[in-house]
PDB file of N, CA and C in Angstrom:
ATOM      1  N   MET A   1     183.537-245.666-129.681  1.00  0.00           N
ATOM      2  CA  MET A   1     182.786-245.118-130.790  1.00  0.00           C
ATOM      3  C   MET A   1     182.895-243.594-130.828  1.00  0.00           C
ATOM      4  N   GLU A   2     182.828-242.991-129.648  1.00  0.00           N
ATOM      5  CA  GLU A   2     182.924-241.528-129.568  1.00  0.00           C
ATOM      6  C   GLU A   2     184.299-241.050-130.038  1.00  0.00           C
ATOM      7  N   ARG A   3     185.343-241.811-129.675  1.00  0.00           N
ATOM      8  CA  ARG A   3     186.706-241.458-130.094  1.00  0.00           C
ATOM      9  C   ARG A   3     186.825-241.528-131.611  1.00  0.00           C
ATOM     10  N   LEU A   4     186.232-242.575-132.189  1.00  0.00           N
ATOM     11  CA  LEU A   4     186.254-242.744-133.633  1.00  0.00           C
ATOM     12  C   LEU A   4     185.555-241.575-134.319  1.00  0.00           C
ATOM     13  N   LYS A   5     184.451-241.128-133.737  1.00  0.00           N
ATOM     14  CA  LYS A   5     183.706-239.994-134.290  1.00  0.00           C
ATOM     15  C   LYS A   5     184.555-238.718-134.238  1.00  0.00           C
ATOM     16  N   LYS A   6     185.253-238.510-133.112  1.00  0.00           N
ATOM     17  CA  LYS A   6     186.112-237.325-132.987  1.00  0.00           C
ATOM     18  C   LYS A   6     187.267-237.392-133.980  1.00  0.00           C
ATOM     19  N   ASP A   7     187.849-238.595-134.137  1.00  0.00           N
ATOM     20  CA  ASP A   7     188.928-238.754-135.106  1.00  0.00           C
ATOM     21  C   ASP A   7     188.439-238.442-136.513  1.00  0.00           C
ATOM     22  N   PHE A   8     187.248-238.951-136.845  1.00  0.00           N
ATOM     23  CA  PHE A   8     186.674-238.687-138.164  1.00  0.00           C
ATOM     24  C   PHE A   8     186.446-237.190-138.356  1.00  0.00           C
ATOM     25  N   GLU A   9     185.901-236.540-137.341  1.00  0.00           N
ATOM     26  CA  GLU A   9     185.627-235.101-137.440  1.00  0.00           C
ATOM     27  C   GLU A   9     186.919-234.306-137.619  1.00  0.00           C
ATOM     28  N   SER A  10     187.951-234.656-136.854  1.00  0.00           N
ATOM     29  CA  SER A  10     189.200-233.904-136.975  1.00  0.00           C
ATOM     30  C   SER A  10     189.863-234.160-138.328  1.00  0.00           C
ATOM     31  N   LEU A  11     189.806-235.396-138.801  1.00  0.00           N
ATOM     32  CA  LEU A  11     190.359-235.699-140.115  1.00  0.00           C
ATOM     33  C   LEU A  11     189.558-235.013-141.217  1.00  0.00           C
ATOM     34  N   THR A  12     188.262-234.950-141.049  1.00  0.00           N
ATOM     35  CA  THR A  12     187.407-234.269-142.020  1.00  0.00           C
ATOM     36  C   THR A  12     187.741-232.785-142.076  1.00  0.00           C
ATOM     37  N   GLU A  13     187.884-232.166-140.903  1.00  0.00           N
ATOM     38  CA  GLU A  13     188.235-230.745-140.858  1.00  0.00           C
ATOM     39  C   GLU A  13     189.591-230.496-141.514  1.00  0.00           C
ATOM     40  N   GLU A  14     190.547-231.377-141.245  1.00  0.00           N
ATOM     41  CA  GLU A  14     191.876-231.238-141.838  1.00  0.00           C
ATOM     42  C   GLU A  14     191.810-231.395-143.356  1.00  0.00           C
ATOM     43  N   ALA A  15     191.046-232.379-143.818  1.00  0.00           N
ATOM     44  CA  ALA A  15     190.907-232.599-145.261  1.00  0.00           C
ATOM     45  C   ALA A  15     190.261-231.397-145.936  1.00  0.00           C
ATOM     46  N   ILE A  16     189.236-230.854-145.318  1.00  0.00           N
ATOM     47  CA  ILE A  16     188.552-229.696-145.894  1.00  0.00           C
ATOM     48  C   ILE A  16     189.487-228.492-145.932  1.00  0.00           C
ATOM     49  N   GLU A  17     190.238-228.305-144.872  1.00  0.00           N
ATOM     50  CA  GLU A  17     191.213-227.199-144.846  1.00  0.00           C
ATOM     51  C   GLU A  17     192.259-227.377-145.949  1.00  0.00           C
ATOM     52  N   ASN A  18     192.753-228.599-146.123  1.00  0.00           N
ATOM     53  CA  ASN A  18     193.726-228.871-147.185  1.00  0.00           C
ATOM     54  C   ASN A  18     193.122-228.619-148.562  1.00  0.00           C
ATOM     55  N   ILE A  19     191.883-229.035-148.746  1.00  0.00           N
ATOM     56  CA  ILE A  19     191.202-228.814-150.027  1.00  0.00           C
ATOM     57  C   ILE A  19     191.079-227.323-150.301  1.00  0.00           C
ATOM     58  N   ARG A  20     190.685-226.560-149.287  1.00  0.00           N
ATOM     59  CA  ARG A  20     190.541-225.103-149.465  1.00  0.00           C
ATOM     60  C   ARG A  20     191.886-224.446-149.786  1.00  0.00           C
ATOM     61  N   THR A  21     192.931-224.878-149.102  1.00  0.00           N
ATOM     62  CA  THR A  21     194.266-224.339-149.359  1.00  0.00           C
ATOM     63  C   THR A  21     194.698-224.663-150.787  1.00  0.00           C
ATOM     64  N   ASP A  22     194.529-225.917-151.183  1.00  0.00           N
ATOM     65  CA  ASP A  22     194.898-226.334-152.540  1.00  0.00           C
ATOM     66  C   ASP A  22     194.104-225.570-153.588  1.00  0.00           C
ATOM     67  N   ARG A  23     192.809-225.383-153.329  1.00  0.00           N
ATOM     68  CA  ARG A  23     191.976-224.645-154.277  1.00  0.00           C
ATOM     69  C   ARG A  23     192.446-223.196-154.406  1.00  0.00           C
ATOM     70  N   GLY A  24     192.782-222.586-153.280  1.00  0.00           N
ATOM     71  CA  GLY A  24     193.259-221.205-153.316  1.00  0.00           C
ATOM     72  C   GLY A  24     194.542-221.070-154.120  1.00  0.00           C
ATOM     73  N   GLN A  25     195.467-221.982-153.877  1.00  0.00           N
ATOM     74  CA  GLN A  25     196.730-221.952-154.620  1.00  0.00           C
ATOM     75  C   GLN A  25     196.508-222.204-156.107  1.00  0.00           C
ATOM     76  N   THR A  26     195.648-223.167-156.415  1.00  0.00           N
ATOM     77  CA  THR A  26     195.371-223.487-157.817  1.00  0.00           C
ATOM     78  C   THR A  26     194.702-222.318-158.518  1.00  0.00           C
ATOM     79  N   LYS A  27     193.782-221.653-157.840  1.00  0.00           N
ATOM     80  CA  LYS A  27     193.114-220.491-158.445  1.00  0.00           C
ATOM     81  C   LYS A  27     194.115-219.382-158.742  1.00  0.00           C
ATOM     82  N   GLU A  28     195.042-219.165-157.817  1.00  0.00           N
ATOM     83  CA  GLU A  28     196.061-218.132-158.042  1.00  0.00           C
ATOM     84  C   GLU A  28     196.949-218.495-159.235  1.00  0.00           C
ATOM     85  N   LEU A  29     197.355-219.748-159.320  1.00  0.00           N
ATOM     86  CA  LEU A  29     198.172-220.192-160.456  1.00  0.00           C
ATOM     87  C   LEU A  29     197.400-220.066-161.767  1.00  0.00           C
ATOM     88  N   LEU A  30     196.126-220.408-161.725  1.00  0.00           N
ATOM     89  CA  LEU A  30     195.290-220.312-162.920  1.00  0.00           C
ATOM     90  C   LEU A  30     195.114-218.854-163.351  1.00  0.00           C
ATOM     91  N   LYS A  31     194.953-217.946-162.391  1.00  0.00           N
ATOM     92  CA  LYS A  31     194.860-216.515-162.718  1.00  0.00           C
ATOM     93  C   LYS A  31     196.135-216.037-163.406  1.00  0.00           C
ATOM     94  N   ASP A  32     197.282-216.437-162.850  1.00  0.00           N
ATOM     95  CA  ASP A  32     198.562-216.057-163.457  1.00  0.00           C
ATOM     96  C   ASP A  32     198.683-216.619-164.871  1.00  0.00           C
ATOM     97  N   LEU A  33     198.248-217.847-165.038  1.00  0.00           N
ATOM     98  CA  LEU A  33     198.323-218.496-166.335  1.00  0.00           C
ATOM     99  C   LEU A  33     197.417-217.797-167.346  1.00  0.00           C
ATOM    100  N   ILE A  34     196.244-217.392-166.903  1.00  0.00           N
ATOM    101  CA  ILE A  34     195.313-216.678-167.791  1.00  0.00           C
ATOM    102  C   ILE A  34     195.920-215.346-168.236  1.00  0.00           C
ATOM    103  N   LYS A  35     196.560-214.651-167.311  1.00  0.00           N
ATOM    104  CA  LYS A  35     197.236-213.395-167.686  1.00  0.00           C
ATOM    105  C   LYS A  35     198.315-213.653-168.732  1.00  0.00           C
ATOM    106  N   TYR A  36     199.078-214.699-168.508  1.00  0.00           N
ATOM    107  CA  TYR A  36     200.149-215.060-169.435  1.00  0.00           C
ATOM    108  C   TYR A  36     199.576-215.402-170.804  1.00  0.00           C
ATOM    109  N   LEU A  37     198.479-216.161-170.829  1.00  0.00           N
ATOM    110  CA  LEU A  37     197.862-216.560-172.092  1.00  0.00           C
ATOM    111  C   LEU A  37     197.231-215.383-172.831  1.00  0.00           C
ATOM    112  N   SER A  38     196.678-214.448-172.087  1.00  0.00           N
ATOM    113  CA  SER A  38     195.964-213.343-172.729  1.00  0.00           C
ATOM    114  C   SER A  38     196.893-212.396-173.488  1.00  0.00           C
ATOM    115  N   SER A  39     198.184-212.433-173.202  1.00  0.00           N
ATOM    116  CA  SER A  39     199.106-211.523-173.881  1.00  0.00           C
ATOM    117  C   SER A  39     199.517-212.030-175.271  1.00  0.00           C
ATOM    118  N   ASP A  40     199.341-213.333-175.531  1.00  0.00           N
ATOM    119  CA  ASP A  40     199.730-213.884-176.831  1.00  0.00           C
ATOM    120  C   ASP A  40     198.991-215.197-177.072  1.00  0.00           C
ATOM    121  N   GLU A  41     198.236-215.252-178.170  1.00  0.00           N
ATOM    122  CA  GLU A  41     197.439-216.448-178.472  1.00  0.00           C
ATOM    123  C   GLU A  41     198.299-217.681-178.727  1.00  0.00           C
ATOM    124  N   HIS A  42     199.503-217.508-179.160  1.00  0.00           N
ATOM    125  CA  HIS A  42     200.385-218.638-179.477  1.00  0.00           C
ATOM    126  C   HIS A  42     200.862-219.359-178.215  1.00  0.00           C
ATOM    127  N   ARG A  43     200.648-218.762-177.100  1.00  0.00           N
ATOM    128  CA  ARG A  43     201.078-219.378-175.838  1.00  0.00           C
ATOM    129  C   ARG A  43     200.170-220.532-175.407  1.00  0.00           C
ATOM    130  N   HIS A  44     199.014-220.658-176.037  1.00  0.00           N
ATOM    131  CA  HIS A  44     198.087-221.750-175.692  1.00  0.00           C
ATOM    132  C   HIS A  44     198.745-223.108-175.905  1.00  0.00           C
ATOM    133  N   LYS A  45     199.494-223.237-176.993  1.00  0.00           N
ATOM    134  CA  LYS A  45     200.202-224.493-177.250  1.00  0.00           C
ATOM    135  C   LYS A  45     201.216-224.764-176.146  1.00  0.00           C
ATOM    136  N   GLU A  46     201.808-223.705-175.689  1.00  0.00           N
ATOM    137  CA  GLU A  46     202.890-223.799-174.700  1.00  0.00           C
ATOM    138  C   GLU A  46     202.386-224.227-173.321  1.00  0.00           C
ATOM    139  N   VAL A  47     201.244-223.692-172.892  1.00  0.00           N
ATOM    140  CA  VAL A  47     200.793-223.934-171.512  1.00  0.00           C
ATOM    141  C   VAL A  47     199.362-224.482-171.415  1.00  0.00           C
ATOM    142  N   GLY A  48     198.797-224.892-172.527  1.00  0.00           N
ATOM    143  CA  GLY A  48     197.430-225.403-172.521  1.00  0.00           C
ATOM    144  C   GLY A  48     197.254-226.617-171.619  1.00  0.00           C
ATOM    145  N   ILE A  49     198.198-227.530-171.644  1.00  0.00           N
ATOM    146  CA  ILE A  49     198.111-228.736-170.810  1.00  0.00           C
ATOM    147  C   ILE A  49     198.180-228.360-169.333  1.00  0.00           C
ATOM    148  N   THR A  50     199.005-227.400-169.002  1.00  0.00           N
ATOM    149  CA  THR A  50     199.114-226.949-167.613  1.00  0.00           C
ATOM    150  C   THR A  50     197.791-226.348-167.146  1.00  0.00           C
ATOM    151  N   ALA A  51     197.175-225.539-167.997  1.00  0.00           N
ATOM    152  CA  ALA A  51     195.886-224.941-167.644  1.00  0.00           C
ATOM    153  C   ALA A  51     194.843-226.033-167.403  1.00  0.00           C
ATOM    154  N   ALA A  52     194.840-227.044-168.253  1.00  0.00           N
ATOM    155  CA  ALA A  52     193.890-228.155-168.098  1.00  0.00           C
ATOM    156  C   ALA A  52     194.121-228.876-166.771  1.00  0.00           C
ATOM    157  N   LYS A  53     195.374-229.035-166.383  1.00  0.00           N
ATOM    158  CA  LYS A  53     195.691-229.699-165.109  1.00  0.00           C
ATOM    159  C   LYS A  53     195.178-228.877-163.923  1.00  0.00           C
ATOM    160  N   TYR A  54     195.282-227.564-163.998  1.00  0.00           N
ATOM    161  CA  TYR A  54     194.780-226.710-162.919  1.00  0.00           C
ATOM    162  C   TYR A  54     193.266-226.857-162.781  1.00  0.00           C
ATOM    163  N   VAL A  55     192.570-226.854-163.917  1.00  0.00           N
ATOM    164  CA  VAL A  55     191.115-227.000-163.885  1.00  0.00           C
ATOM    165  C   VAL A  55     190.743-228.391-163.361  1.00  0.00           C
ATOM    166  N   GLU A  56     191.505-229.389-163.764  1.00  0.00           N
ATOM    167  CA  GLU A  56     191.268-230.756-163.284  1.00  0.00           C
ATOM    168  C   GLU A  56     191.455-230.840-161.769  1.00  0.00           C
ATOM    169  N   THR A  57     192.434-230.142-161.256  1.00  0.00           N
ATOM    170  CA  THR A  57     192.667-230.109-159.808  1.00  0.00           C
ATOM    171  C   THR A  57     191.473-229.505-159.082  1.00  0.00           C
ATOM    172  N   LEU A  58     190.921-228.431-159.615  1.00  0.00           N
ATOM    173  CA  LEU A  58     189.742-227.809-159.012  1.00  0.00           C
ATOM    174  C   LEU A  58     188.546-228.764-159.058  1.00  0.00           C
ATOM    175  N   GLN A  59     188.402-229.479-160.156  1.00  0.00           N
ATOM    176  CA  GLN A  59     187.296-230.427-160.284  1.00  0.00           C
ATOM    177  C   GLN A  59     187.453-231.563-159.274  1.00  0.00           C
ATOM    178  N   ARG A  60     188.674-232.068-159.112  1.00  0.00           N
ATOM    179  CA  ARG A  60     188.903-233.149-158.151  1.00  0.00           C
ATOM    180  C   ARG A  60     188.623-232.695-156.726  1.00  0.00           C
ATOM    181  N   SER A  61     188.948-231.457-156.415  1.00  0.00           N
ATOM    182  CA  SER A  61     188.680-230.969-155.061  1.00  0.00           C
ATOM    183  C   SER A  61     187.175-230.876-154.817  1.00  0.00           C
ATOM    184  N   ASN A  62     186.411-230.528-155.853  1.00  0.00           N
ATOM    185  CA  ASN A  62     184.948-230.538-155.721  1.00  0.00           C
ATOM    186  C   ASN A  62     184.449-231.947-155.436  1.00  0.00           C
ATOM    187  N   GLU A  63     184.996-232.918-156.143  1.00  0.00           N
ATOM    188  CA  GLU A  63     184.596-234.314-155.927  1.00  0.00           C
ATOM    189  C   GLU A  63     184.952-234.768-154.513  1.00  0.00           C
ATOM    190  N   GLN A  64     186.100-234.340-154.023  1.00  0.00           N
ATOM    191  CA  GLN A  64     186.506-234.697-152.664  1.00  0.00           C
ATOM    192  C   GLN A  64     185.542-234.112-151.636  1.00  0.00           C
ATOM    193  N   LEU A  65     185.126-232.878-151.850  1.00  0.00           N
ATOM    194  CA  LEU A  65     184.176-232.254-150.931  1.00  0.00           C
ATOM    195  C   LEU A  65     182.838-232.990-150.928  1.00  0.00           C
ATOM    196  N   VAL A  66     182.397-233.415-152.101  1.00  0.00           N
ATOM    197  CA  VAL A  66     181.140-234.162-152.190  1.00  0.00           C
ATOM    198  C   VAL A  66     181.268-235.490-151.442  1.00  0.00           C
ATOM    199  N   LYS A  67     182.403-236.169-151.598  1.00  0.00           N
ATOM    200  CA  LYS A  67     182.618-237.440-150.896  1.00  0.00           C
ATOM    201  C   LYS A  67     182.645-237.238-149.385  1.00  0.00           C
ATOM    202  N   ILE A  68     183.301-236.191-148.934  1.00  0.00           N
ATOM    203  CA  ILE A  68     183.347-235.909-147.496  1.00  0.00           C
ATOM    204  C   ILE A  68     181.948-235.606-146.969  1.00  0.00           C
ATOM    205  N   ALA A  69     181.187-234.828-147.735  1.00  0.00           N
ATOM    206  CA  ALA A  69     179.813-234.514-147.311  1.00  0.00           C
ATOM    207  C   ALA A  69     178.970-235.778-147.213  1.00  0.00           C
ATOM    208  N   ALA A  70     179.137-236.687-148.161  1.00  0.00           N
ATOM    209  CA  ALA A  70     178.374-237.941-148.133  1.00  0.00           C
ATOM    210  C   ALA A  70     178.773-238.788-146.926  1.00  0.00           C
ATOM    211  N   LEU A  71     180.075-238.862-146.646  1.00  0.00           N
ATOM    212  CA  LEU A  71     180.534-239.616-145.476  1.00  0.00           C
ATOM    213  C   LEU A  71     180.019-239.006-144.187  1.00  0.00           C
ATOM    214  N   LYS A  72     180.056-237.687-144.118  1.00  0.00           N
ATOM    215  CA  LYS A  72     179.581-237.000-142.927  1.00  0.00           C
ATOM    216  C   LYS A  72     178.081-237.240-142.724  1.00  0.00           C
ATOM    217  N   GLN A  73     177.341-237.224-143.806  1.00  0.00           N
ATOM    218  CA  GLN A  73     175.905-237.467-143.720  1.00  0.00           C
ATOM    219  C   GLN A  73     175.641-238.885-143.224  1.00  0.00           C
ATOM    220  N   LYS A  74     176.433-239.850-143.687  1.00  0.00           N
ATOM    221  CA  LYS A  74     176.260-241.234-143.238  1.00  0.00           C
ATOM    222  C   LYS A  74     176.507-241.355-141.737  1.00  0.00           C
ATOM    223  N   THR A  75     177.501-240.642-141.234  1.00  0.00           N
ATOM    224  CA  THR A  75     177.816-240.744-139.809  1.00  0.00           C
ATOM    225  C   THR A  75     176.785-240.034-138.952  1.00  0.00           C
ATOM    226  N   GLU A  76     176.093-239.056-139.534  1.00  0.00           N
ATOM    227  CA  GLU A  76     175.109-238.294-138.765  1.00  0.00           C
ATOM    228  C   GLU A  76     173.701-238.852-138.897  1.00  0.00           C
ATOM    229  N   THR A  77     173.516-239.844-139.760  1.00  0.00           N
ATOM    230  CA  THR A  77     172.189-240.422-139.944  1.00  0.00           C
ATOM    231  C   THR A  77     171.754-241.098-138.655  1.00  0.00           C
ATOM    232  N   VAL A  78     170.602-240.698-138.204  1.00  0.00           N
ATOM    233  CA  VAL A  78     170.065-241.236-136.962  1.00  0.00           C
ATOM    234  C   VAL A  78     169.327-242.528-137.274  1.00  0.00           C
ATOM    235  N   ASN A  79     169.506-243.514-136.439  1.00  0.00           N
ATOM    236  CA  ASN A  79     168.797-244.772-136.607  1.00  0.00           C
ATOM    237  C   ASN A  79     167.312-244.523-136.369  1.00  0.00           C
ATOM    238  N   THR A  80     166.517-244.721-137.385  1.00  0.00           N
ATOM    239  CA  THR A  80     165.084-244.457-137.266  1.00  0.00           C
ATOM    240  C   THR A  80     164.302-245.708-136.885  1.00  0.00           C
ATOM    241  N   GLY A  81     164.984-246.841-136.761  1.00  0.00           N
ATOM    242  CA  GLY A  81     164.322-248.074-136.371  1.00  0.00           C
ATOM    243  C   GLY A  81     164.017-248.079-134.884  1.00  0.00           C
ATOM    244  N   LEU A  82     163.133-248.956-134.489  1.00  0.00           N
ATOM    245  CA  LEU A  82     162.763-249.074-133.084  1.00  0.00           C
ATOM    246  C   LEU A  82     163.710-250.043-132.392  1.00  0.00           C
ATOM    247  N   SER A  83     164.024-249.736-131.156  1.00  0.00           N
ATOM    248  CA  SER A  83     164.828-250.666-130.375  1.00  0.00           C
ATOM    249  C   SER A  83     163.947-251.849-129.974  1.00  0.00           C
ATOM    250  N   SER A  84     164.580-252.920-129.530  1.00  0.00           N
ATOM    251  CA  SER A  84     163.796-254.096-129.128  1.00  0.00           C
ATOM    252  C   SER A  84     162.891-253.764-127.942  1.00  0.00           C
ATOM    253  N   GLU A  85     163.356-252.880-127.051  1.00  0.00           N
ATOM    254  CA  GLU A  85     162.530-252.466-125.910  1.00  0.00           C
ATOM    255  C   GLU A  85     161.299-251.696-126.383  1.00  0.00           C
ATOM    256  N   GLU A  86     161.492-250.809-127.360  1.00  0.00           N
ATOM    257  CA  GLU A  86     160.367-250.029-127.886  1.00  0.00           C
ATOM    258  C   GLU A  86     159.353-250.933-128.585  1.00  0.00           C
ATOM    259  N   ARG A  87     159.850-251.912-129.366  1.00  0.00           N
ATOM    260  CA  ARG A  87     158.941-252.851-130.037  1.00  0.00           C
ATOM    261  C   ARG A  87     158.147-253.662-129.016  1.00  0.00           C
ATOM    262  N   GLU A  88     158.826-254.113-127.972  1.00  0.00           N
ATOM    263  CA  GLU A  88     158.151-254.903-126.944  1.00  0.00           C
ATOM    264  C   GLU A  88     157.089-254.082-126.228  1.00  0.00           C
ATOM    265  N   GLU A  89     157.405-252.810-125.954  1.00  0.00           N
ATOM    266  CA  GLU A  89     156.441-251.935-125.280  1.00  0.00           C
ATOM    267  C   GLU A  89     155.197-251.724-126.142  1.00  0.00           C
ATOM    268  N   ILE A  90     155.413-251.503-127.438  1.00  0.00           N
ATOM    269  CA  ILE A  90     154.279-251.318-128.347  1.00  0.00           C
ATOM    270  C   ILE A  90     153.455-252.605-128.419  1.00  0.00           C
ATOM    271  N   PHE A  91     154.135-253.743-128.517  1.00  0.00           N
ATOM    272  CA  PHE A  91     153.433-255.027-128.553  1.00  0.00           C
ATOM    273  C   PHE A  91     152.599-255.225-127.296  1.00  0.00           C
ATOM    274  N   ASN A  92     153.167-254.898-126.147  1.00  0.00           N
ATOM    275  CA  ASN A  92     152.446-255.041-124.881  1.00  0.00           C
ATOM    276  C   ASN A  92     151.224-254.121-124.831  1.00  0.00           C
ATOM    277  N   GLN A  93     151.371-252.911-125.374  1.00  0.00           N
ATOM    278  CA  GLN A  93     150.242-251.987-125.399  1.00  0.00           C
ATOM    279  C   GLN A  93     149.116-252.524-126.286  1.00  0.00           C
ATOM    280  N   PHE A  94     149.469-253.088-127.452  1.00  0.00           N
ATOM    281  CA  PHE A  94     148.457-253.690-128.314  1.00  0.00           C
ATOM    282  C   PHE A  94     147.793-254.877-127.620  1.00  0.00           C
ATOM    283  N   GLN A  95     148.606-255.658-126.959  1.00  0.00           N
ATOM    284  CA  GLN A  95     148.073-256.819-126.270  1.00  0.00           C
ATOM    285  C   GLN A  95     147.106-256.377-125.158  1.00  0.00           C
ATOM    286  N   ALA A  96     147.481-255.305-124.442  1.00  0.00           N
ATOM    287  CA  ALA A  96     146.626-254.806-123.378  1.00  0.00           C
ATOM    288  C   ALA A  96     145.319-254.274-123.957  1.00  0.00           C
ATOM    289  N   LEU A  97     145.353-253.647-125.107  1.00  0.00           N
ATOM    290  CA  LEU A  97     144.123-253.169-125.750  1.00  0.00           C
ATOM    291  C   LEU A  97     143.235-254.342-126.139  1.00  0.00           C
ATOM    292  N   GLY A  98     143.836-255.413-126.621  1.00  0.00           N
ATOM    293  CA  GLY A  98     143.067-256.604-126.994  1.00  0.00           C
ATOM    294  C   GLY A  98     142.445-257.274-125.784  1.00  0.00           C
ATOM    295  N   ASP A  99     143.127-257.240-124.661  1.00  0.00           N
ATOM    296  CA  ASP A  99     142.612-257.851-123.425  1.00  0.00           C
ATOM    297  C   ASP A  99     141.437-257.058-122.878  1.00  0.00           C
ATOM    298  N   GLU A 100     141.388-255.761-123.137  1.00  0.00           N
ATOM    299  CA  GLU A 100     140.308-254.910-122.631  1.00  0.00           C
ATOM    300  C   GLU A 100     138.996-255.188-123.345  1.00  0.00           C
ATOM    301  N   GLU A 101     139.058-255.702-124.541  1.00  0.00           N
ATOM    302  CA  GLU A 101     137.836-255.923-125.326  1.00  0.00           C
ATOM    303  C   GLU A 101     137.145-257.095-124.834  1.00  0.00           C
TER     304      GLU A 101
END
């Protein structure tokens, strides 16, 4: 189980690093595209679809980060239930209180 947790953590770190790298590259491409578009309004027809794809890539990376955060939260959730030993101990304590009366 511990090995699985370490594998998950390392894969999560790698995925996050890849997402950050992809986002950085996409932002740079989008900046270049905005400069290109700002020089002539007629260029929107030419590269509008490309700009939309860059924004879509950024949106998908946000969704990936949210999914990773949700998975990480699931793995870190502590079991709040009582173990069978704890339940038995509590039951015995109640029983002992009843016997004292």
